[in-house]
C-alpha atoms as a PDB file:
ATOM      1  CA  MET A   1     -32.374  59.305 -29.529  1.00  0.00           C
ATOM      2  CA  LEU A   2     -35.234  61.884 -29.200  1.00  0.00           C
ATOM      3  CA  THR A   3     -35.507  62.171 -25.682  1.00  0.00           C
ATOM      4  CA  PRO A   4     -38.745  63.682 -24.252  1.00  0.00           C
ATOM      5  CA  ILE A   5     -36.464  66.468 -23.026  1.00  0.00           C
ATOM      6  CA  ARG A   6     -34.079  67.291 -26.051  1.00  0.00           C
ATOM      7  CA  TYR A   7     -37.151  67.647 -28.152  1.00  0.00           C
ATOM      8  CA  TYR A   8     -38.985  70.095 -25.857  1.00  0.00           C
ATOM      9  CA  ARG A   9     -35.171  72.291 -25.705  1.00  0.00           C
ATOM     10  CA  LEU A  10     -35.735  71.958 -29.631  1.00  0.00           C
ATOM     11  CA  LEU A  11     -39.235  72.840 -29.741  1.00  0.00           C
ATOM     12  CA  ARG A  12     -38.816  75.791 -27.487  1.00  0.00           C
ATOM     13  CA  GLY A  13     -35.844  75.969 -29.962  1.00  0.00           C
ATOM     14  CA  TRP A  14     -33.695  76.842 -26.885  1.00  0.00           C
ATOM     15  CA  LYS A  15     -30.370  75.989 -28.098  1.00  0.00           C
ATOM     16  CA  ALA A  16     -28.459  73.542 -25.368  1.00  0.00           C
ATOM     17  CA  ALA A  17     -24.950  75.372 -24.347  1.00  0.00           C
ATOM     18  CA  GLU A  18     -28.362  78.008 -22.559  1.00  0.00           C
ATOM     19  CA  VAL A  19     -29.605  76.064 -21.270  1.00  0.00           C
ATOM     20  CA  ALA A  20     -26.279  74.310 -19.381  1.00  0.00           C
ATOM     21  CA  ARG A  21     -25.411  78.531 -18.967  1.00  0.00           C
ATOM     22  CA  ARG A  22     -29.213  78.580 -17.348  1.00  0.00           C
ATOM     23  CA  LEU A  23     -28.910  75.383 -15.100  1.00  0.00           C
ATOM     24  CA  GLU A  24     -25.373  76.376 -14.024  1.00  0.00           C
ATOM     25  CA  ILE A  25     -23.857  73.321 -14.661  1.00  0.00           C
ATOM     26  CA  SER A  26     -21.338  72.937 -18.265  1.00  0.00           C
ATOM     27  CA  PRO A  27     -22.218  71.993 -21.480  1.00  0.00           C
ATOM     28  CA  SER A  28     -21.102  68.254 -21.270  1.00  0.00           C
ATOM     29  CA  TYR A  29     -23.044  67.627 -18.408  1.00  0.00           C
ATOM     30  CA  TRP A  30     -26.281  69.095 -19.616  1.00  0.00           C
ATOM     31  CA  SER A  31     -25.211  66.441 -23.135  1.00  0.00           C
ATOM     32  CA  ARG A  32     -25.994  63.930 -21.000  1.00  0.00           C
ATOM     33  CA  ILE A  33     -28.740  63.951 -18.953  1.00  0.00           C
ATOM     34  CA  GLU A  34     -30.413  65.505 -22.451  1.00  0.00           C
ATOM     35  CA  SER A  35     -29.102  62.071 -24.436  1.00  0.00           C
ATOM     36  CA  GLY A  36     -30.363  59.702 -20.542  1.00  0.00           C
ATOM     37  CA  ARG A  37     -27.217  58.623 -20.059  1.00  0.00           C
ATOM     38  CA  LEU A  38     -27.299  60.567 -17.092  1.00  0.00           C
ATOM     39  CA  LYS A  39     -30.012  60.993 -15.005  1.00  0.00           C
ATOM     40  CA  PRO A  40     -29.279  64.100 -12.423  1.00  0.00           C
ATOM     41  CA  PRO A  41     -29.904  64.134  -9.270  1.00  0.00           C
ATOM     42  CA  LEU A  42     -33.706  65.433  -7.465  1.00  0.00           C
ATOM     43  CA  SER A  43     -32.300  69.055  -7.040  1.00  0.00           C
ATOM     44  CA  LEU A  44     -31.188  69.737 -10.553  1.00  0.00           C
ATOM     45  CA  ARG A  45     -34.653  67.658 -12.389  1.00  0.00           C
ATOM     46  CA  ARG A  46     -36.467  70.693 -10.372  1.00  0.00           C
ATOM     47  CA  ARG A  47     -34.318  72.901 -11.317  1.00  0.00           C
ATOM     48  CA  ILE A  48     -34.127  71.724 -15.402  1.00  0.00           C
ATOM     49  CA  ALA A  49     -38.410  71.313 -14.998  1.00  0.00           C
ATOM     50  CA  GLY A  50     -38.629  74.785 -13.650  1.00  0.00           C
ATOM     51  CA  ILE A  51     -36.923  76.441 -16.812  1.00  0.00           C
ATOM     52  CA  PHE A  52     -38.942  73.897 -18.821  1.00  0.00           C
ATOM     53  CA  GLN A  53     -42.391  74.799 -16.878  1.00  0.00           C
ATOM     54  CA  LEU A  54     -43.216  70.775 -17.614  1.00  0.00           C
ATOM     55  CA  SER A  55     -43.824  68.154 -14.505  1.00  0.00           C
ATOM     56  CA  GLN A  56     -40.305  65.901 -14.078  1.00  0.00           C
ATOM     57  CA  THR A  57     -42.809  62.998 -14.911  1.00  0.00           C
ATOM     58  CA  VAL A  58     -43.182  64.703 -18.461  1.00  0.00           C
ATOM     59  CA  LEU A  59     -39.280  64.960 -18.954  1.00  0.00           C
ATOM     60  CA  PHE A  60     -37.494  62.165 -17.324  1.00  0.00           C
ATOM     61  CA  GLY A  61     -40.416  59.460 -16.901  1.00  0.00           C
ATOM     62  CA  VAL A  62     -40.302  59.050 -13.278  1.00  0.00           C
ATOM     63  CA  HIS A  63     -42.249  61.020 -10.527  1.00  0.00           C
ATOM     64  CA  PRO A  64     -40.147  63.287  -8.192  1.00  0.00           C
END
């Protein structure tokens, strides 16, 4: 399934491992977030939105 967060990562040409490294989380944790199997805590959603320069609503479909 192509989630919004995966779509925007691919659009930027970033590898999943690169995003995980930038966020200082494990690649497996990032995979669960990106696939929608795990809802990250608010603090991490803010960091993710920051590196993508998009709102949390766009990436996760939720309000902060």
